[in-house]
Amino acid sequence: MKTLQQLLDGKKYKEVISIAPHRPVFDALVILAEYKIGALIVLDGQNLVGIFSERDYAREVILKGRSSKTTSINEVMTSKVLTANPNDSVEHALSLMTEHRIRHLPVVVDEKVVGVLSIGDLVKETIAYQQELIKQLQSYIKS
């Protein structure tokens, strides 16, 4: 099975799409829509300070009657962020995400975010891996 770095290498957007913690939630929503993604890394300079997702927006802004134009990201972001290493396996990351019920996993090297993977990225790779394995087994059985 592939490593997380191999998945990052194949992603459409190579750069880490992020937002500063003092920016309004509205700005984050514009970025999420523009890139058609579900979460943004929150960086204070180069430091990972949180993650802001559609789930945070629904639970912390909409349901609490807050304004997305006056509420800042640092008021509603998830600040306890689980991260992974580029050398971790897809299987390990999928297990971590399932156990903690998260949908986005920042990949970090020396405290610097080098990419983000979604649960969809990991499931897609797992399915592709299993299909290839089945194809190999079928070929082995036929020979």
N, C-alpha and C. Protein backbone atom coordinates (compact mmCIF):
# COMPACT_ATOMS: atom_id res chain seq x y z
N MET A 1 0.84 -1.18 0.00
CA MET A 1 0.00 0.00 0.00
C MET A 1 0.89 1.25 0.00
N LYS A 2 0.39 2.32 -0.58
CA LYS A 2 1.16 3.55 -0.73
C LYS A 2 1.35 4.29 0.59
N THR A 3 2.33 5.20 0.56
CA THR A 3 2.53 6.11 1.69
C THR A 3 1.70 7.37 1.44
N LEU A 4 1.57 8.17 2.48
CA LEU A 4 0.84 9.42 2.34
C LEU A 4 1.55 10.37 1.38
N GLN A 5 2.88 10.33 1.37
CA GLN A 5 3.63 11.18 0.43
C GLN A 5 3.30 10.83 -1.01
N GLN A 6 3.15 9.54 -1.32
CA GLN A 6 2.81 9.13 -2.67
C GLN A 6 1.43 9.66 -3.06
N LEU A 7 0.49 9.68 -2.12
CA LEU A 7 -0.82 10.25 -2.41
C LEU A 7 -0.73 11.75 -2.62
N LEU A 8 0.04 12.43 -1.78
CA LEU A 8 0.20 13.88 -1.93
C LEU A 8 0.80 14.23 -3.28
N ASP A 9 1.75 13.41 -3.74
CA ASP A 9 2.40 13.65 -5.03
C ASP A 9 1.40 13.60 -6.19
N GLY A 10 0.32 12.86 -6.02
CA GLY A 10 -0.67 12.72 -7.08
C GLY A 10 -1.85 13.67 -6.98
N LYS A 11 -1.85 14.54 -5.99
CA LYS A 11 -2.98 15.45 -5.80
C LYS A 11 -3.00 16.59 -6.82
N LYS A 12 -4.20 17.06 -7.11
CA LYS A 12 -4.41 18.15 -8.06
C LYS A 12 -3.74 19.44 -7.58
N TYR A 13 -4.00 19.80 -6.32
CA TYR A 13 -3.40 21.01 -5.75
C TYR A 13 -2.22 20.59 -4.87
N LYS A 14 -1.03 20.98 -5.28
CA LYS A 14 0.18 20.61 -4.53
C LYS A 14 0.39 21.51 -3.31
N GLU A 15 -0.05 22.77 -3.43
CA GLU A 15 0.16 23.70 -2.33
C GLU A 15 -0.84 23.44 -1.20
N VAL A 16 -0.47 23.84 -0.01
CA VAL A 16 -1.36 23.73 1.14
C VAL A 16 -2.27 24.95 1.13
N ILE A 17 -3.55 24.70 1.03
CA ILE A 17 -4.51 25.79 1.00
C ILE A 17 -4.86 26.12 2.44
N SER A 18 -4.57 27.37 2.82
CA SER A 18 -4.69 27.73 4.24
C SER A 18 -5.32 29.11 4.41
N ILE A 19 -5.54 29.43 5.67
CA ILE A 19 -6.07 30.73 6.04
C ILE A 19 -5.46 31.13 7.39
N ALA A 20 -5.37 32.43 7.62
CA ALA A 20 -4.85 32.95 8.89
C ALA A 20 -5.97 32.96 9.93
N PRO A 21 -5.63 32.77 11.20
CA PRO A 21 -6.64 32.65 12.25
C PRO A 21 -7.48 33.91 12.49
N HIS A 22 -6.97 35.08 12.14
CA HIS A 22 -7.71 36.32 12.39
C HIS A 22 -8.71 36.67 11.28
N ARG A 23 -8.66 35.95 10.18
CA ARG A 23 -9.55 36.25 9.04
C ARG A 23 -10.99 35.86 9.37
N PRO A 24 -11.96 36.53 8.74
CA PRO A 24 -13.36 36.18 8.98
C PRO A 24 -13.73 34.84 8.34
N VAL A 25 -14.70 34.19 8.93
CA VAL A 25 -15.19 32.90 8.42
C VAL A 25 -15.63 33.03 6.97
N PHE A 26 -16.22 34.15 6.62
CA PHE A 26 -16.69 34.36 5.25
C PHE A 26 -15.57 34.14 4.24
N ASP A 27 -14.37 34.65 4.54
CA ASP A 27 -13.23 34.47 3.64
C ASP A 27 -12.90 32.99 3.46
N ALA A 28 -13.01 32.23 4.55
CA ALA A 28 -12.74 30.79 4.47
C ALA A 28 -13.77 30.11 3.57
N LEU A 29 -15.02 30.52 3.69
CA LEU A 29 -16.08 29.92 2.86
C LEU A 29 -15.84 30.18 1.38
N VAL A 30 -15.37 31.37 1.06
CA VAL A 30 -15.05 31.71 -0.33
C VAL A 30 -13.95 30.79 -0.85
N ILE A 31 -12.91 30.57 -0.04
CA ILE A 31 -11.80 29.71 -0.45
C ILE A 31 -12.26 28.26 -0.60
N LEU A 32 -13.05 27.78 0.36
CA LEU A 32 -13.57 26.40 0.29
C LEU A 32 -14.36 26.21 -1.01
N ALA A 33 -15.19 27.17 -1.34
CA ALA A 33 -16.01 27.08 -2.56
C ALA A 33 -15.14 27.15 -3.82
N GLU A 34 -14.17 28.05 -3.81
CA GLU A 34 -13.30 28.23 -4.98
C GLU A 34 -12.54 26.95 -5.31
N TYR A 35 -12.01 26.29 -4.30
CA TYR A 35 -11.21 25.08 -4.52
C TYR A 35 -12.03 23.79 -4.45
N LYS A 36 -13.32 23.93 -4.10
CA LYS A 36 -14.21 22.77 -3.96
C LYS A 36 -13.63 21.75 -2.97
N ILE A 37 -13.25 22.27 -1.78
CA ILE A 37 -12.70 21.44 -0.72
C ILE A 37 -13.53 21.61 0.54
N GLY A 38 -13.31 20.75 1.52
CA GLY A 38 -14.11 20.76 2.73
C GLY A 38 -13.43 21.28 3.97
N ALA A 39 -12.13 21.62 3.88
CA ALA A 39 -11.42 22.11 5.06
C ALA A 39 -10.22 22.95 4.66
N LEU A 40 -9.86 23.86 5.55
CA LEU A 40 -8.67 24.69 5.37
C LEU A 40 -7.75 24.54 6.58
N ILE A 41 -6.48 24.51 6.30
CA ILE A 41 -5.49 24.53 7.37
C ILE A 41 -5.40 25.96 7.88
N VAL A 42 -5.34 26.13 9.19
CA VAL A 42 -5.21 27.46 9.78
C VAL A 42 -3.76 27.63 10.21
N LEU A 43 -3.08 28.58 9.57
CA LEU A 43 -1.67 28.83 9.84
C LEU A 43 -1.48 30.24 10.38
N ASP A 44 -0.70 30.32 11.45
CA ASP A 44 -0.24 31.60 11.97
C ASP A 44 1.21 31.69 11.54
N GLY A 45 1.46 32.39 10.46
CA GLY A 45 2.78 32.35 9.82
C GLY A 45 2.93 30.97 9.20
N GLN A 46 3.93 30.21 9.65
CA GLN A 46 4.13 28.84 9.17
C GLN A 46 3.64 27.81 10.19
N ASN A 47 3.11 28.28 11.32
CA ASN A 47 2.71 27.38 12.41
C ASN A 47 1.27 26.92 12.28
N LEU A 48 1.08 25.61 12.35
CA LEU A 48 -0.25 25.02 12.34
C LEU A 48 -0.93 25.32 13.67
N VAL A 49 -2.05 26.06 13.61
CA VAL A 49 -2.76 26.39 14.85
C VAL A 49 -4.17 25.81 14.86
N GLY A 50 -4.61 25.26 13.72
CA GLY A 50 -5.95 24.68 13.69
C GLY A 50 -6.34 24.23 12.30
N ILE A 51 -7.59 23.78 12.23
CA ILE A 51 -8.19 23.40 10.96
C ILE A 51 -9.63 23.91 10.99
N PHE A 52 -10.09 24.42 9.87
CA PHE A 52 -11.47 24.91 9.77
C PHE A 52 -12.16 24.11 8.69
N SER A 53 -13.28 23.49 9.06
CA SER A 53 -13.99 22.64 8.11
C SER A 53 -15.45 23.07 7.98
N GLU A 54 -16.11 22.51 6.99
CA GLU A 54 -17.54 22.74 6.82
C GLU A 54 -18.29 22.34 8.08
N ARG A 55 -17.80 21.31 8.75
CA ARG A 55 -18.41 20.85 10.01
C ARG A 55 -18.30 21.93 11.09
N ASP A 56 -17.14 22.58 11.18
CA ASP A 56 -16.98 23.69 12.14
C ASP A 56 -17.96 24.81 11.81
N TYR A 57 -18.09 25.11 10.54
CA TYR A 57 -19.01 26.17 10.12
C TYR A 57 -20.44 25.85 10.54
N ALA A 58 -20.87 24.64 10.26
CA ALA A 58 -22.24 24.24 10.59
C ALA A 58 -22.48 24.28 12.10
N ARG A 59 -21.57 23.72 12.85
CA ARG A 59 -21.77 23.59 14.30
C ARG A 59 -21.50 24.87 15.08
N GLU A 60 -20.49 25.63 14.67
CA GLU A 60 -20.05 26.78 15.47
C GLU A 60 -20.52 28.13 14.96
N VAL A 61 -20.95 28.19 13.71
CA VAL A 61 -21.43 29.46 13.17
C VAL A 61 -22.93 29.41 12.94
N ILE A 62 -23.37 28.57 12.04
CA ILE A 62 -24.79 28.51 11.67
C ILE A 62 -25.67 28.15 12.86
N LEU A 63 -25.38 27.04 13.52
CA LEU A 63 -26.24 26.59 14.62
C LEU A 63 -26.23 27.52 15.83
N LYS A 64 -25.20 28.33 15.93
CA LYS A 64 -25.12 29.27 17.07
C LYS A 64 -25.53 30.69 16.68
N GLY A 65 -26.02 30.85 15.45
CA GLY A 65 -26.53 32.14 15.01
C GLY A 65 -25.47 33.22 14.83
N ARG A 66 -24.24 32.83 14.61
CA ARG A 66 -23.16 33.79 14.41
C ARG A 66 -23.13 34.27 12.97
N SER A 67 -22.48 35.39 12.75
CA SER A 67 -22.31 35.94 11.41
C SER A 67 -20.97 35.49 10.85
N SER A 68 -20.96 35.00 9.63
CA SER A 68 -19.71 34.57 9.01
C SER A 68 -18.83 35.75 8.63
N LYS A 69 -19.40 36.94 8.58
CA LYS A 69 -18.60 38.13 8.24
C LYS A 69 -17.93 38.77 9.45
N THR A 70 -18.47 38.52 10.64
CA THR A 70 -17.88 39.14 11.84
C THR A 70 -17.21 38.13 12.78
N THR A 71 -17.40 36.86 12.53
CA THR A 71 -16.76 35.82 13.35
C THR A 71 -15.42 35.46 12.73
N SER A 72 -14.37 35.44 13.53
CA SER A 72 -13.05 35.08 13.00
C SER A 72 -12.82 33.58 13.10
N ILE A 73 -11.95 33.11 12.25
CA ILE A 73 -11.63 31.68 12.18
C ILE A 73 -11.20 31.13 13.54
N ASN A 74 -10.36 31.88 14.27
CA ASN A 74 -9.84 31.35 15.53
C ASN A 74 -10.92 31.17 16.59
N GLU A 75 -12.09 31.76 16.40
CA GLU A 75 -13.20 31.58 17.34
C GLU A 75 -13.92 30.24 17.13
N VAL A 76 -13.81 29.68 15.92
CA VAL A 76 -14.63 28.50 15.59
C VAL A 76 -13.84 27.32 15.05
N MET A 77 -12.55 27.48 14.83
CA MET A 77 -11.74 26.40 14.26
C MET A 77 -11.54 25.28 15.28
N THR A 78 -11.14 24.13 14.77
CA THR A 78 -10.73 23.03 15.63
C THR A 78 -9.24 23.24 15.91
N SER A 79 -8.89 23.42 17.18
CA SER A 79 -7.49 23.73 17.49
C SER A 79 -6.65 22.49 17.83
N LYS A 80 -7.29 21.42 18.24
CA LYS A 80 -6.55 20.18 18.49
C LYS A 80 -6.56 19.36 17.20
N VAL A 81 -5.47 19.47 16.46
CA VAL A 81 -5.39 18.88 15.13
C VAL A 81 -4.52 17.63 15.16
N LEU A 82 -5.09 16.52 14.70
CA LEU A 82 -4.29 15.31 14.51
C LEU A 82 -3.52 15.46 13.21
N THR A 83 -2.29 14.99 13.21
CA THR A 83 -1.47 15.07 12.00
C THR A 83 -0.84 13.71 11.71
N ALA A 84 -0.30 13.60 10.51
CA ALA A 84 0.38 12.38 10.10
C ALA A 84 1.73 12.74 9.49
N ASN A 85 2.53 11.71 9.28
CA ASN A 85 3.85 11.83 8.68
C ASN A 85 3.76 11.35 7.23
N PRO A 86 4.52 11.95 6.31
CA PRO A 86 4.47 11.51 4.91
C PRO A 86 4.81 10.03 4.70
N ASN A 87 5.58 9.45 5.63
CA ASN A 87 5.94 8.04 5.49
C ASN A 87 4.90 7.08 6.05
N ASP A 88 3.87 7.61 6.69
CA ASP A 88 2.79 6.76 7.20
C ASP A 88 2.06 6.10 6.03
N SER A 89 1.53 4.92 6.29
CA SER A 89 0.78 4.21 5.24
C SER A 89 -0.64 4.75 5.16
N VAL A 90 -1.26 4.52 4.02
CA VAL A 90 -2.66 4.88 3.83
C VAL A 90 -3.51 4.14 4.86
N GLU A 91 -3.19 2.89 5.08
CA GLU A 91 -3.93 2.07 6.04
C GLU A 91 -3.89 2.68 7.45
N HIS A 92 -2.71 3.13 7.88
CA HIS A 92 -2.56 3.74 9.20
C HIS A 92 -3.38 5.04 9.29
N ALA A 93 -3.28 5.87 8.28
CA ALA A 93 -4.00 7.15 8.27
C ALA A 93 -5.51 6.93 8.26
N LEU A 94 -5.97 5.97 7.49
CA LEU A 94 -7.40 5.65 7.43
C LEU A 94 -7.90 5.18 8.78
N SER A 95 -7.12 4.37 9.44
CA SER A 95 -7.46 3.89 10.78
C SER A 95 -7.54 5.06 11.77
N LEU A 96 -6.57 5.95 11.72
CA LEU A 96 -6.53 7.12 12.60
C LEU A 96 -7.76 8.01 12.38
N MET A 97 -8.07 8.26 11.13
CA MET A 97 -9.20 9.13 10.80
C MET A 97 -10.53 8.50 11.21
N THR A 98 -10.65 7.21 11.02
CA THR A 98 -11.88 6.51 11.40
C THR A 98 -12.05 6.51 12.91
N GLU A 99 -10.98 6.21 13.62
CA GLU A 99 -11.02 6.16 15.08
C GLU A 99 -11.41 7.51 15.69
N HIS A 100 -10.89 8.59 15.12
CA HIS A 100 -11.13 9.92 15.68
C HIS A 100 -12.26 10.68 14.98
N ARG A 101 -12.89 10.02 14.00
CA ARG A 101 -14.03 10.61 13.27
C ARG A 101 -13.70 11.96 12.65
N ILE A 102 -12.58 12.00 11.95
CA ILE A 102 -12.19 13.22 11.25
C ILE A 102 -12.17 12.96 9.76
N ARG A 103 -12.31 14.00 8.98
CA ARG A 103 -12.39 13.87 7.53
C ARG A 103 -11.18 14.41 6.80
N HIS A 104 -10.34 15.19 7.51
CA HIS A 104 -9.17 15.80 6.88
C HIS A 104 -7.96 15.63 7.80
N LEU A 105 -6.84 15.26 7.19
CA LEU A 105 -5.64 14.95 7.95
C LEU A 105 -4.44 15.71 7.38
N PRO A 106 -3.93 16.71 8.12
CA PRO A 106 -2.72 17.39 7.67
C PRO A 106 -1.51 16.45 7.76
N VAL A 107 -0.64 16.55 6.77
CA VAL A 107 0.59 15.77 6.75
C VAL A 107 1.71 16.76 7.06
N VAL A 108 2.51 16.44 8.09
CA VAL A 108 3.48 17.39 8.64
C VAL A 108 4.88 16.80 8.66
N VAL A 109 5.86 17.65 8.30
CA VAL A 109 7.28 17.31 8.39
C VAL A 109 7.96 18.45 9.15
N ASP A 110 8.65 18.11 10.22
CA ASP A 110 9.36 19.12 11.04
C ASP A 110 8.46 20.31 11.37
N GLU A 111 7.25 20.02 11.81
CA GLU A 111 6.25 21.01 12.22
C GLU A 111 5.76 21.90 11.08
N LYS A 112 6.02 21.52 9.82
CA LYS A 112 5.54 22.27 8.66
C LYS A 112 4.53 21.40 7.91
N VAL A 113 3.37 21.98 7.62
CA VAL A 113 2.34 21.25 6.88
C VAL A 113 2.76 21.16 5.42
N VAL A 114 2.87 19.91 4.92
CA VAL A 114 3.28 19.70 3.53
C VAL A 114 2.12 19.27 2.65
N GLY A 115 0.96 19.00 3.25
CA GLY A 115 -0.20 18.61 2.48
C GLY A 115 -1.35 18.22 3.39
N VAL A 116 -2.50 18.00 2.77
CA VAL A 116 -3.69 17.58 3.49
C VAL A 116 -4.37 16.48 2.68
N LEU A 117 -4.78 15.43 3.37
CA LEU A 117 -5.51 14.35 2.72
C LEU A 117 -6.89 14.23 3.34
N SER A 118 -7.86 13.93 2.49
CA SER A 118 -9.23 13.74 2.97
C SER A 118 -9.51 12.25 3.10
N ILE A 119 -10.56 11.95 3.83
CA ILE A 119 -10.97 10.55 3.96
C ILE A 119 -11.28 9.98 2.57
N GLY A 120 -11.81 10.82 1.69
CA GLY A 120 -12.09 10.38 0.32
C GLY A 120 -10.83 9.98 -0.43
N ASP A 121 -9.75 10.75 -0.24
CA ASP A 121 -8.47 10.41 -0.88
C ASP A 121 -8.01 9.02 -0.45
N LEU A 122 -8.15 8.75 0.85
CA LEU A 122 -7.68 7.47 1.40
C LEU A 122 -8.56 6.31 0.99
N VAL A 123 -9.86 6.52 0.96
CA VAL A 123 -10.79 5.46 0.54
C VAL A 123 -10.58 5.14 -0.94
N LYS A 124 -10.42 6.17 -1.75
CA LYS A 124 -10.18 5.97 -3.19
C LYS A 124 -8.92 5.12 -3.41
N GLU A 125 -7.85 5.43 -2.69
CA GLU A 125 -6.60 4.67 -2.82
C GLU A 125 -6.76 3.24 -2.32
N THR A 126 -7.50 3.06 -1.23
CA THR A 126 -7.73 1.72 -0.69
C THR A 126 -8.50 0.86 -1.70
N ILE A 127 -9.50 1.42 -2.32
CA ILE A 127 -10.28 0.69 -3.34
C ILE A 127 -9.39 0.33 -4.52
N ALA A 128 -8.59 1.28 -4.99
CA ALA A 128 -7.69 1.01 -6.12
C ALA A 128 -6.70 -0.10 -5.77
N TYR A 129 -6.17 -0.07 -4.57
CA TYR A 129 -5.23 -1.10 -4.10
C TYR A 129 -5.91 -2.47 -4.08
N GLN A 130 -7.11 -2.53 -3.54
CA GLN A 130 -7.83 -3.79 -3.45
C GLN A 130 -8.20 -4.33 -4.84
N GLN A 131 -8.58 -3.44 -5.76
CA GLN A 131 -8.90 -3.88 -7.11
C GLN A 131 -7.67 -4.46 -7.81
N GLU A 132 -6.52 -3.84 -7.61
CA GLU A 132 -5.28 -4.35 -8.20
C GLU A 132 -4.92 -5.70 -7.60
N LEU A 133 -5.11 -5.85 -6.31
CA LEU A 133 -4.84 -7.11 -5.63
C LEU A 133 -5.75 -8.22 -6.16
N ILE A 134 -7.01 -7.91 -6.34
CA ILE A 134 -7.97 -8.89 -6.89
C ILE A 134 -7.55 -9.29 -8.30
N LYS A 135 -7.15 -8.32 -9.11
CA LYS A 135 -6.72 -8.60 -10.48
C LYS A 135 -5.51 -9.53 -10.48
N GLN A 136 -4.55 -9.29 -9.58
CA GLN A 136 -3.36 -10.13 -9.49
C GLN A 136 -3.72 -11.54 -9.03
N LEU A 137 -4.62 -11.65 -8.07
CA LEU A 137 -5.04 -12.97 -7.58
C LEU A 137 -5.78 -13.76 -8.68
N GLN A 138 -6.62 -13.07 -9.44
CA GLN A 138 -7.33 -13.73 -10.52
C GLN A 138 -6.36 -14.22 -11.59
N SER A 139 -5.35 -13.41 -11.88
CA SER A 139 -4.35 -13.80 -12.85
C SER A 139 -3.55 -14.99 -12.36
N TYR A 140 -3.23 -15.01 -11.08
CA TYR A 140 -2.50 -16.12 -10.49
C TYR A 140 -3.32 -17.41 -10.54
N ILE A 141 -4.59 -17.30 -10.24
CA ILE A 141 -5.48 -18.49 -10.25
C ILE A 141 -5.61 -19.06 -11.65
N LYS A 142 -5.70 -18.20 -12.66
CA LYS A 142 -5.87 -18.65 -14.04
C LYS A 142 -4.59 -19.28 -14.61
N SER A 143 -3.44 -18.93 -14.05
CA SER A 143 -2.20 -19.48 -14.62
C SER A 143 -1.78 -20.78 -13.98
